[in-house]
Amino acid sequence: MRNQKGFTLIELIIVIVVLGILAVTAAPQFIDFSSDARTSTVKGLKGAMQGASQTIYARAAIDDDLGSTGSVNSVDTVNGYPAATEAGIVTAANLDATNVDPAATVITDWAFFADSGTISIAPGDQVPDPTTAVVGDITDTNCYVEYSDAADSDTPPVITTETSGC
């Protein structure tokens, strides 16, 4: 009889399965997906703002209210598009910025600052104190959306994102 050395096939399979289970349970501890989540959230916010501005503009066009300022469905407008204010685009996009928790682990709240036709919005967990944020607090995060008022009723508002700091 020959003396065999090595592992049997079943022993190798068991070791591979155990290593796979360990890898699946340990990998999330070492891989941080929060940056990807914030980037996706900011890009999703841009899409929500675009959709909200088009919806309000459509309603303003139906109501023949494309003047320089006005109100459509309780949303302040400029040239038919939501204004770059809390009563404008923040209301139109249904952003809940009143319950901002800077210690939140899930990005659901927003910090924003509006000034002279432009509003900057960032995930609340990126800003030191979202309830008193100024534009520098938001833009310093390099993880935000900027919305600028429409120049006229034929030009949509400018919506840009910065995600290098997410």
N, C-alpha and C. Protein backbone atom coordinates (compact mmCIF):
# COMPACT_ATOMS: atom_id res chain seq x y z
N MET A 1 0.83 -1.17 0.00
CA MET A 1 0.00 0.00 0.00
C MET A 1 0.88 1.24 0.00
N ARG A 2 0.43 2.23 -0.84
CA ARG A 2 1.22 3.46 -0.94
C ARG A 2 0.85 4.41 0.18
N ASN A 3 1.84 5.16 0.63
CA ASN A 3 1.62 6.18 1.64
C ASN A 3 1.32 7.50 0.94
N GLN A 4 0.08 7.99 1.03
CA GLN A 4 -0.32 9.21 0.33
C GLN A 4 -0.15 10.42 1.24
N LYS A 5 0.25 11.51 0.63
CA LYS A 5 0.42 12.75 1.37
C LYS A 5 -0.43 13.83 0.70
N GLY A 6 -0.90 14.79 1.48
CA GLY A 6 -1.69 15.89 0.94
C GLY A 6 -3.10 15.88 1.47
N PHE A 7 -3.92 16.80 0.92
CA PHE A 7 -5.30 16.94 1.38
C PHE A 7 -6.23 16.25 0.41
N THR A 8 -7.34 15.79 0.93
CA THR A 8 -8.36 15.21 0.05
C THR A 8 -9.15 16.36 -0.57
N LEU A 9 -9.90 16.05 -1.58
CA LEU A 9 -10.70 17.07 -2.28
C LEU A 9 -11.73 17.68 -1.34
N ILE A 10 -12.36 16.91 -0.52
CA ILE A 10 -13.37 17.43 0.39
C ILE A 10 -12.76 18.39 1.41
N GLU A 11 -11.54 18.10 1.89
CA GLU A 11 -10.87 19.00 2.82
C GLU A 11 -10.56 20.34 2.15
N LEU A 12 -10.13 20.32 0.92
CA LEU A 12 -9.85 21.56 0.19
C LEU A 12 -11.12 22.38 -0.02
N ILE A 13 -12.21 21.74 -0.34
CA ILE A 13 -13.48 22.44 -0.56
C ILE A 13 -13.94 23.09 0.75
N ILE A 14 -13.83 22.38 1.86
CA ILE A 14 -14.24 22.93 3.15
C ILE A 14 -13.40 24.17 3.49
N VAL A 15 -12.10 24.11 3.26
CA VAL A 15 -11.23 25.25 3.54
C VAL A 15 -11.61 26.44 2.66
N ILE A 16 -11.90 26.20 1.40
CA ILE A 16 -12.28 27.29 0.48
C ILE A 16 -13.60 27.90 0.91
N VAL A 17 -14.57 27.09 1.32
CA VAL A 17 -15.86 27.61 1.77
C VAL A 17 -15.69 28.45 3.04
N VAL A 18 -14.91 27.97 3.98
CA VAL A 18 -14.68 28.72 5.22
C VAL A 18 -13.99 30.04 4.92
N LEU A 19 -13.00 30.04 4.05
CA LEU A 19 -12.33 31.29 3.67
C LEU A 19 -13.28 32.25 2.97
N GLY A 20 -14.16 31.72 2.15
CA GLY A 20 -15.16 32.56 1.47
C GLY A 20 -16.10 33.22 2.46
N ILE A 21 -16.56 32.45 3.45
CA ILE A 21 -17.45 33.01 4.47
C ILE A 21 -16.73 34.10 5.26
N LEU A 22 -15.50 33.85 5.63
CA LEU A 22 -14.73 34.87 6.36
C LEU A 22 -14.54 36.13 5.52
N ALA A 23 -14.27 35.96 4.24
CA ALA A 23 -14.06 37.12 3.36
C ALA A 23 -15.33 37.94 3.24
N VAL A 24 -16.46 37.28 3.10
CA VAL A 24 -17.73 37.99 2.95
C VAL A 24 -18.10 38.76 4.22
N THR A 25 -17.82 38.19 5.37
CA THR A 25 -18.17 38.87 6.62
C THR A 25 -17.14 39.93 7.00
N ALA A 26 -15.90 39.76 6.62
CA ALA A 26 -14.85 40.70 7.02
C ALA A 26 -14.66 41.84 6.03
N ALA A 27 -14.96 41.64 4.76
CA ALA A 27 -14.71 42.66 3.74
C ALA A 27 -15.41 43.98 4.02
N PRO A 28 -16.68 44.00 4.41
CA PRO A 28 -17.32 45.30 4.68
C PRO A 28 -16.64 46.10 5.79
N GLN A 29 -15.92 45.43 6.67
CA GLN A 29 -15.21 46.14 7.73
C GLN A 29 -14.02 46.92 7.19
N PHE A 30 -13.49 46.48 6.07
CA PHE A 30 -12.28 47.10 5.52
C PHE A 30 -12.57 47.97 4.30
N ILE A 31 -13.72 47.82 3.69
CA ILE A 31 -14.07 48.58 2.49
C ILE A 31 -15.09 49.64 2.88
N ASP A 32 -14.79 50.89 2.57
CA ASP A 32 -15.68 51.99 2.92
C ASP A 32 -16.43 52.45 1.66
N PHE A 33 -17.72 52.22 1.64
CA PHE A 33 -18.54 52.59 0.50
C PHE A 33 -19.23 53.94 0.70
N SER A 34 -18.94 54.64 1.79
CA SER A 34 -19.64 55.89 2.08
C SER A 34 -19.36 56.97 1.04
N SER A 35 -18.15 56.99 0.49
CA SER A 35 -17.83 57.98 -0.54
C SER A 35 -18.68 57.75 -1.79
N ASP A 36 -18.80 56.50 -2.20
CA ASP A 36 -19.64 56.19 -3.36
C ASP A 36 -21.10 56.54 -3.08
N ALA A 37 -21.54 56.28 -1.86
CA ALA A 37 -22.92 56.59 -1.50
C ALA A 37 -23.18 58.09 -1.55
N ARG A 38 -22.26 58.89 -1.02
CA ARG A 38 -22.42 60.35 -1.05
C ARG A 38 -22.41 60.86 -2.49
N THR A 39 -21.49 60.36 -3.30
CA THR A 39 -21.42 60.78 -4.71
C THR A 39 -22.74 60.48 -5.41
N SER A 40 -23.25 59.28 -5.22
CA SER A 40 -24.52 58.90 -5.84
C SER A 40 -25.68 59.75 -5.32
N THR A 41 -25.65 60.08 -4.05
CA THR A 41 -26.70 60.90 -3.46
C THR A 41 -26.69 62.30 -4.05
N VAL A 42 -25.50 62.88 -4.21
CA VAL A 42 -25.40 64.22 -4.77
C VAL A 42 -25.85 64.21 -6.24
N LYS A 43 -25.46 63.19 -6.98
CA LYS A 43 -25.91 63.10 -8.38
C LYS A 43 -27.42 62.86 -8.46
N GLY A 44 -27.95 62.08 -7.52
CA GLY A 44 -29.40 61.88 -7.46
C GLY A 44 -30.13 63.16 -7.13
N LEU A 45 -29.54 63.96 -6.23
CA LEU A 45 -30.13 65.26 -5.90
C LEU A 45 -30.19 66.15 -7.13
N LYS A 46 -29.14 66.14 -7.93
CA LYS A 46 -29.15 66.94 -9.16
C LYS A 46 -30.31 66.51 -10.06
N GLY A 47 -30.49 65.21 -10.20
CA GLY A 47 -31.60 64.71 -11.02
C GLY A 47 -32.96 65.11 -10.45
N ALA A 48 -33.10 65.05 -9.12
CA ALA A 48 -34.35 65.44 -8.48
C ALA A 48 -34.63 66.92 -8.70
N MET A 49 -33.58 67.73 -8.63
CA MET A 49 -33.74 69.17 -8.85
C MET A 49 -34.12 69.46 -10.30
N GLN A 50 -33.51 68.74 -11.23
CA GLN A 50 -33.87 68.93 -12.64
C GLN A 50 -35.32 68.56 -12.89
N GLY A 51 -35.75 67.43 -12.33
CA GLY A 51 -37.14 67.01 -12.49
C GLY A 51 -38.11 67.98 -11.86
N ALA A 52 -37.79 68.43 -10.65
CA ALA A 52 -38.67 69.37 -9.96
C ALA A 52 -38.76 70.69 -10.71
N SER A 53 -37.63 71.17 -11.23
CA SER A 53 -37.67 72.46 -11.95
C SER A 53 -38.48 72.35 -13.23
N GLN A 54 -38.38 71.22 -13.92
CA GLN A 54 -39.16 71.03 -15.15
C GLN A 54 -40.65 70.92 -14.85
N THR A 55 -40.98 70.24 -13.75
CA THR A 55 -42.38 70.10 -13.37
C THR A 55 -43.00 71.45 -13.02
N ILE A 56 -42.29 72.24 -12.25
CA ILE A 56 -42.79 73.57 -11.88
C ILE A 56 -42.88 74.46 -13.11
N TYR A 57 -41.88 74.38 -14.00
CA TYR A 57 -41.91 75.18 -15.22
C TYR A 57 -43.12 74.81 -16.09
N ALA A 58 -43.38 73.51 -16.19
CA ALA A 58 -44.54 73.08 -16.99
C ALA A 58 -45.83 73.65 -16.42
N ARG A 59 -45.96 73.61 -15.09
CA ARG A 59 -47.16 74.17 -14.46
C ARG A 59 -47.23 75.68 -14.66
N ALA A 60 -46.10 76.35 -14.56
CA ALA A 60 -46.08 77.80 -14.78
C ALA A 60 -46.45 78.14 -16.22
N ALA A 61 -45.99 77.34 -17.17
CA ALA A 61 -46.33 77.57 -18.57
C ALA A 61 -47.83 77.37 -18.81
N ILE A 62 -48.39 76.35 -18.19
CA ILE A 62 -49.83 76.12 -18.32
C ILE A 62 -50.61 77.29 -17.74
N ASP A 63 -50.15 77.81 -16.60
CA ASP A 63 -50.81 78.94 -15.95
C ASP A 63 -50.45 80.28 -16.58
N ASP A 64 -49.60 80.27 -17.60
CA ASP A 64 -49.11 81.48 -18.25
C ASP A 64 -48.51 82.44 -17.22
N ASP A 65 -47.62 81.88 -16.39
CA ASP A 65 -46.98 82.63 -15.31
C ASP A 65 -45.46 82.50 -15.43
N LEU A 66 -44.91 82.92 -16.57
CA LEU A 66 -43.48 82.83 -16.82
C LEU A 66 -42.78 84.16 -16.58
N GLY A 67 -43.39 85.01 -15.79
CA GLY A 67 -42.80 86.32 -15.49
C GLY A 67 -41.54 86.19 -14.66
N SER A 68 -40.97 87.34 -14.33
CA SER A 68 -39.69 87.33 -13.61
C SER A 68 -39.80 86.68 -12.24
N THR A 69 -40.88 86.94 -11.50
CA THR A 69 -41.08 86.27 -10.21
C THR A 69 -42.54 85.87 -10.08
N GLY A 70 -42.78 84.86 -9.27
CA GLY A 70 -44.15 84.41 -9.05
C GLY A 70 -44.17 83.25 -8.09
N SER A 71 -45.29 82.53 -8.12
CA SER A 71 -45.45 81.37 -7.25
C SER A 71 -46.32 80.34 -7.96
N VAL A 72 -45.87 79.09 -7.94
CA VAL A 72 -46.62 77.99 -8.54
C VAL A 72 -46.69 76.86 -7.52
N ASN A 73 -47.91 76.47 -7.14
CA ASN A 73 -48.09 75.38 -6.17
C ASN A 73 -47.26 75.60 -4.91
N SER A 74 -47.28 76.78 -4.36
CA SER A 74 -46.55 77.15 -3.15
C SER A 74 -45.03 77.13 -3.32
N VAL A 75 -44.57 77.20 -4.55
CA VAL A 75 -43.13 77.23 -4.85
C VAL A 75 -42.81 78.58 -5.47
N ASP A 76 -41.89 79.33 -4.86
CA ASP A 76 -41.47 80.60 -5.44
C ASP A 76 -40.75 80.34 -6.75
N THR A 77 -41.04 81.16 -7.76
CA THR A 77 -40.45 80.96 -9.08
C THR A 77 -39.75 82.22 -9.59
N VAL A 78 -38.80 81.98 -10.47
CA VAL A 78 -38.12 83.04 -11.22
C VAL A 78 -38.14 82.60 -12.67
N ASN A 79 -38.80 83.37 -13.53
CA ASN A 79 -38.94 83.05 -14.95
C ASN A 79 -39.59 81.69 -15.16
N GLY A 80 -40.49 81.31 -14.27
CA GLY A 80 -41.22 80.06 -14.40
C GLY A 80 -40.56 78.86 -13.75
N TYR A 81 -39.29 78.97 -13.42
CA TYR A 81 -38.56 77.89 -12.77
C TYR A 81 -38.49 78.16 -11.26
N PRO A 82 -38.30 77.12 -10.44
CA PRO A 82 -38.18 77.36 -9.01
C PRO A 82 -37.02 78.32 -8.70
N ALA A 83 -37.26 79.20 -7.75
CA ALA A 83 -36.23 80.14 -7.33
C ALA A 83 -35.15 79.40 -6.56
N ALA A 84 -33.95 79.96 -6.56
CA ALA A 84 -32.82 79.37 -5.83
C ALA A 84 -32.90 79.76 -4.36
N THR A 85 -33.98 79.31 -3.71
CA THR A 85 -34.23 79.61 -2.30
C THR A 85 -34.85 78.39 -1.63
N GLU A 86 -35.01 78.50 -0.31
CA GLU A 86 -35.68 77.41 0.41
C GLU A 86 -37.14 77.29 -0.04
N ALA A 87 -37.79 78.43 -0.27
CA ALA A 87 -39.18 78.42 -0.71
C ALA A 87 -39.31 78.09 -2.19
N GLY A 88 -38.18 77.96 -2.88
CA GLY A 88 -38.19 77.64 -4.31
C GLY A 88 -37.81 76.18 -4.55
N ILE A 89 -36.56 75.95 -4.92
CA ILE A 89 -36.13 74.62 -5.33
C ILE A 89 -36.13 73.62 -4.17
N VAL A 90 -35.85 74.07 -2.95
CA VAL A 90 -35.86 73.15 -1.80
C VAL A 90 -37.27 72.61 -1.59
N THR A 91 -38.27 73.49 -1.70
CA THR A 91 -39.66 73.06 -1.58
C THR A 91 -40.08 72.22 -2.77
N ALA A 92 -39.70 72.63 -3.98
CA ALA A 92 -40.08 71.90 -5.19
C ALA A 92 -39.53 70.49 -5.21
N ALA A 93 -38.30 70.31 -4.73
CA ALA A 93 -37.67 68.99 -4.73
C ALA A 93 -37.96 68.20 -3.46
N ASN A 94 -38.80 68.77 -2.57
CA ASN A 94 -39.18 68.10 -1.32
C ASN A 94 -37.97 67.71 -0.47
N LEU A 95 -37.02 68.60 -0.34
CA LEU A 95 -35.86 68.33 0.50
C LEU A 95 -36.20 68.71 1.93
N ASP A 96 -36.04 67.77 2.83
CA ASP A 96 -36.30 68.03 4.24
C ASP A 96 -35.00 68.49 4.87
N ALA A 97 -34.84 69.79 4.98
CA ALA A 97 -33.61 70.35 5.54
C ALA A 97 -33.83 70.85 6.96
N THR A 98 -34.95 70.53 7.56
CA THR A 98 -35.22 71.04 8.89
C THR A 98 -34.74 70.11 9.99
N ASN A 99 -34.59 68.85 9.71
CA ASN A 99 -34.19 67.88 10.72
C ASN A 99 -32.77 67.39 10.45
N VAL A 100 -31.86 68.30 10.27
CA VAL A 100 -30.49 67.93 9.92
C VAL A 100 -29.75 67.45 11.16
N ASP A 101 -29.15 66.28 11.06
CA ASP A 101 -28.39 65.70 12.16
C ASP A 101 -26.96 65.50 11.68
N PRO A 102 -26.00 66.32 12.11
CA PRO A 102 -24.63 66.19 11.62
C PRO A 102 -23.99 64.86 11.98
N ALA A 103 -24.53 64.16 12.96
CA ALA A 103 -23.97 62.86 13.35
C ALA A 103 -24.64 61.71 12.62
N ALA A 104 -25.51 62.02 11.67
CA ALA A 104 -26.24 60.97 10.97
C ALA A 104 -25.28 60.09 10.17
N THR A 105 -25.54 58.80 10.20
CA THR A 105 -24.72 57.88 9.42
C THR A 105 -25.35 57.61 8.07
N VAL A 106 -26.61 57.93 7.92
CA VAL A 106 -27.30 57.77 6.65
C VAL A 106 -27.56 59.15 6.09
N ILE A 107 -27.28 59.34 4.81
CA ILE A 107 -27.44 60.65 4.20
C ILE A 107 -28.91 60.84 3.82
N THR A 108 -29.66 61.53 4.64
CA THR A 108 -31.05 61.81 4.30
C THR A 108 -31.35 63.29 4.43
N ASP A 109 -30.50 64.03 5.09
CA ASP A 109 -30.75 65.44 5.32
C ASP A 109 -29.73 66.30 4.59
N TRP A 110 -30.11 67.54 4.38
CA TRP A 110 -29.30 68.43 3.55
C TRP A 110 -28.99 69.71 4.29
N ALA A 111 -27.84 70.26 4.02
CA ALA A 111 -27.48 71.59 4.47
C ALA A 111 -27.48 72.49 3.24
N PHE A 112 -28.02 73.68 3.35
CA PHE A 112 -28.04 74.56 2.18
C PHE A 112 -27.82 76.00 2.58
N PHE A 113 -27.37 76.77 1.59
CA PHE A 113 -27.20 78.20 1.78
C PHE A 113 -27.56 78.87 0.46
N ALA A 114 -28.48 79.83 0.54
CA ALA A 114 -28.93 80.56 -0.65
C ALA A 114 -28.44 82.00 -0.56
N ASP A 115 -27.94 82.50 -1.70
CA ASP A 115 -27.47 83.88 -1.74
C ASP A 115 -27.53 84.40 -3.16
N SER A 116 -28.26 85.44 -3.37
CA SER A 116 -28.36 86.18 -4.64
C SER A 116 -28.45 85.28 -5.87
N GLY A 117 -29.50 84.49 -5.94
CA GLY A 117 -29.77 83.72 -7.15
C GLY A 117 -29.08 82.38 -7.25
N THR A 118 -28.37 81.96 -6.23
CA THR A 118 -27.70 80.66 -6.23
C THR A 118 -27.90 80.00 -4.88
N ILE A 119 -28.18 78.70 -4.91
CA ILE A 119 -28.29 77.94 -3.67
C ILE A 119 -27.32 76.77 -3.76
N SER A 120 -26.58 76.53 -2.69
CA SER A 120 -25.64 75.42 -2.60
C SER A 120 -26.19 74.43 -1.58
N ILE A 121 -26.23 73.16 -1.96
CA ILE A 121 -26.81 72.12 -1.10
C ILE A 121 -25.81 70.98 -0.98
N ALA A 122 -25.56 70.55 0.26
CA ALA A 122 -24.62 69.46 0.52
C ALA A 122 -25.26 68.46 1.48
N PRO A 123 -24.79 67.19 1.47
CA PRO A 123 -25.27 66.24 2.46
C PRO A 123 -24.97 66.76 3.87
N GLY A 124 -25.93 66.64 4.76
CA GLY A 124 -25.80 67.19 6.10
C GLY A 124 -24.62 66.65 6.88
N ASP A 125 -24.22 65.41 6.60
CA ASP A 125 -23.11 64.84 7.38
C ASP A 125 -21.75 65.35 6.90
N GLN A 126 -21.72 66.12 5.85
CA GLN A 126 -20.47 66.67 5.33
C GLN A 126 -20.15 68.05 5.92
N VAL A 127 -21.14 68.70 6.49
CA VAL A 127 -21.00 70.08 6.96
C VAL A 127 -20.91 70.06 8.49
N PRO A 128 -19.96 70.80 9.08
CA PRO A 128 -19.80 70.78 10.54
C PRO A 128 -21.08 71.09 11.31
N ASP A 129 -21.78 72.16 10.96
CA ASP A 129 -23.05 72.49 11.61
C ASP A 129 -24.05 72.88 10.53
N PRO A 130 -24.79 71.90 10.00
CA PRO A 130 -25.69 72.17 8.87
C PRO A 130 -26.77 73.21 9.16
N THR A 131 -27.15 73.36 10.41
CA THR A 131 -28.23 74.29 10.71
C THR A 131 -27.80 75.75 10.60
N THR A 132 -26.49 76.01 10.66
CA THR A 132 -26.00 77.39 10.53
C THR A 132 -24.98 77.51 9.39
N ALA A 133 -25.05 76.62 8.43
CA ALA A 133 -24.06 76.59 7.35
C ALA A 133 -24.11 77.85 6.50
N VAL A 134 -22.93 78.30 6.09
CA VAL A 134 -22.81 79.37 5.11
C VAL A 134 -22.22 78.75 3.85
N VAL A 135 -22.20 79.52 2.79
CA VAL A 135 -21.80 78.95 1.50
C VAL A 135 -20.40 78.33 1.55
N GLY A 136 -19.47 78.94 2.30
CA GLY A 136 -18.12 78.39 2.39
C GLY A 136 -18.09 77.03 3.06
N ASP A 137 -18.97 76.83 4.08
CA ASP A 137 -19.04 75.52 4.74
C ASP A 137 -19.45 74.44 3.75
N ILE A 138 -20.33 74.79 2.85
CA ILE A 138 -20.86 73.81 1.89
C ILE A 138 -19.88 73.58 0.76
N THR A 139 -19.36 74.65 0.16
CA THR A 139 -18.45 74.47 -0.98
C THR A 139 -17.10 73.91 -0.56
N ASP A 140 -16.69 74.13 0.68
CA ASP A 140 -15.42 73.56 1.16
C ASP A 140 -15.47 72.04 1.23
N THR A 141 -16.68 71.46 1.27
CA THR A 141 -16.79 70.00 1.33
C THR A 141 -16.44 69.35 0.00
N ASN A 142 -16.52 70.11 -1.09
CA ASN A 142 -16.34 69.57 -2.45
C ASN A 142 -17.27 68.40 -2.70
N CYS A 143 -18.47 68.49 -2.10
CA CYS A 143 -19.49 67.46 -2.25
C CYS A 143 -20.84 68.17 -2.16
N TYR A 144 -21.26 68.79 -3.26
CA TYR A 144 -22.47 69.61 -3.21
C TYR A 144 -23.07 69.79 -4.60
N VAL A 145 -24.28 70.35 -4.59
CA VAL A 145 -24.98 70.72 -5.83
C VAL A 145 -25.23 72.22 -5.75
N GLU A 146 -25.02 72.90 -6.87
CA GLU A 146 -25.36 74.33 -6.95
C GLU A 146 -26.46 74.52 -7.97
N TYR A 147 -27.43 75.31 -7.59
CA TYR A 147 -28.58 75.61 -8.44
C TYR A 147 -28.65 77.12 -8.58
N SER A 148 -28.64 77.60 -9.83
CA SER A 148 -28.70 79.04 -10.09
C SER A 148 -29.99 79.36 -10.83
N ASP A 149 -30.59 80.50 -10.48
CA ASP A 149 -31.84 80.92 -11.10
C ASP A 149 -31.73 80.95 -12.62
N ALA A 150 -32.86 80.70 -13.27
CA ALA A 150 -32.93 80.79 -14.72
C ALA A 150 -32.75 82.24 -15.15
N ALA A 151 -31.95 82.45 -16.20
CA ALA A 151 -31.71 83.81 -16.69
C ALA A 151 -32.96 84.41 -17.32
N ASP A 152 -33.76 83.58 -18.00
CA ASP A 152 -35.02 84.01 -18.58
C ASP A 152 -35.90 82.77 -18.75
N SER A 153 -37.11 82.96 -19.24
CA SER A 153 -38.05 81.83 -19.34
C SER A 153 -37.67 80.84 -20.44
N ASP A 154 -36.73 81.20 -21.29
CA ASP A 154 -36.29 80.29 -22.36
C ASP A 154 -35.03 79.52 -21.98
N THR A 155 -34.43 79.85 -20.85
CA THR A 155 -33.18 79.22 -20.42
C THR A 155 -33.40 78.54 -19.08
N PRO A 156 -33.19 77.23 -19.01
CA PRO A 156 -33.38 76.54 -17.72
C PRO A 156 -32.32 76.95 -16.70
N PRO A 157 -32.57 76.69 -15.43
CA PRO A 157 -31.58 77.02 -14.40
C PRO A 157 -30.34 76.17 -14.58
N VAL A 158 -29.22 76.69 -14.11
CA VAL A 158 -27.95 75.96 -14.19
C VAL A 158 -27.81 75.13 -12.91
N ILE A 159 -27.64 73.82 -13.09
CA ILE A 159 -27.46 72.92 -11.95
C ILE A 159 -26.15 72.19 -12.14
N THR A 160 -25.22 72.39 -11.21
CA THR A 160 -23.90 71.74 -11.30
C THR A 160 -23.62 70.95 -10.04
N THR A 161 -22.75 69.97 -10.17
CA THR A 161 -22.36 69.16 -9.01
C THR A 161 -20.84 69.21 -8.85
N GLU A 162 -20.42 69.04 -7.63
CA GLU A 162 -19.00 68.88 -7.30
C GLU A 162 -18.93 67.67 -6.39
N THR A 163 -18.23 66.62 -6.82
CA THR A 163 -18.20 65.38 -6.04
C THR A 163 -16.80 64.91 -5.70
N SER A 164 -15.79 65.77 -5.91
CA SER A 164 -14.42 65.33 -5.65
C SER A 164 -14.13 65.10 -4.17
N GLY A 165 -14.93 65.70 -3.28
CA GLY A 165 -14.71 65.53 -1.85
C GLY A 165 -15.67 64.59 -1.16
N CYS A 166 -16.51 63.95 -1.93
CA CYS A 166 -17.50 63.04 -1.32
C CYS A 166 -16.80 61.83 -0.77
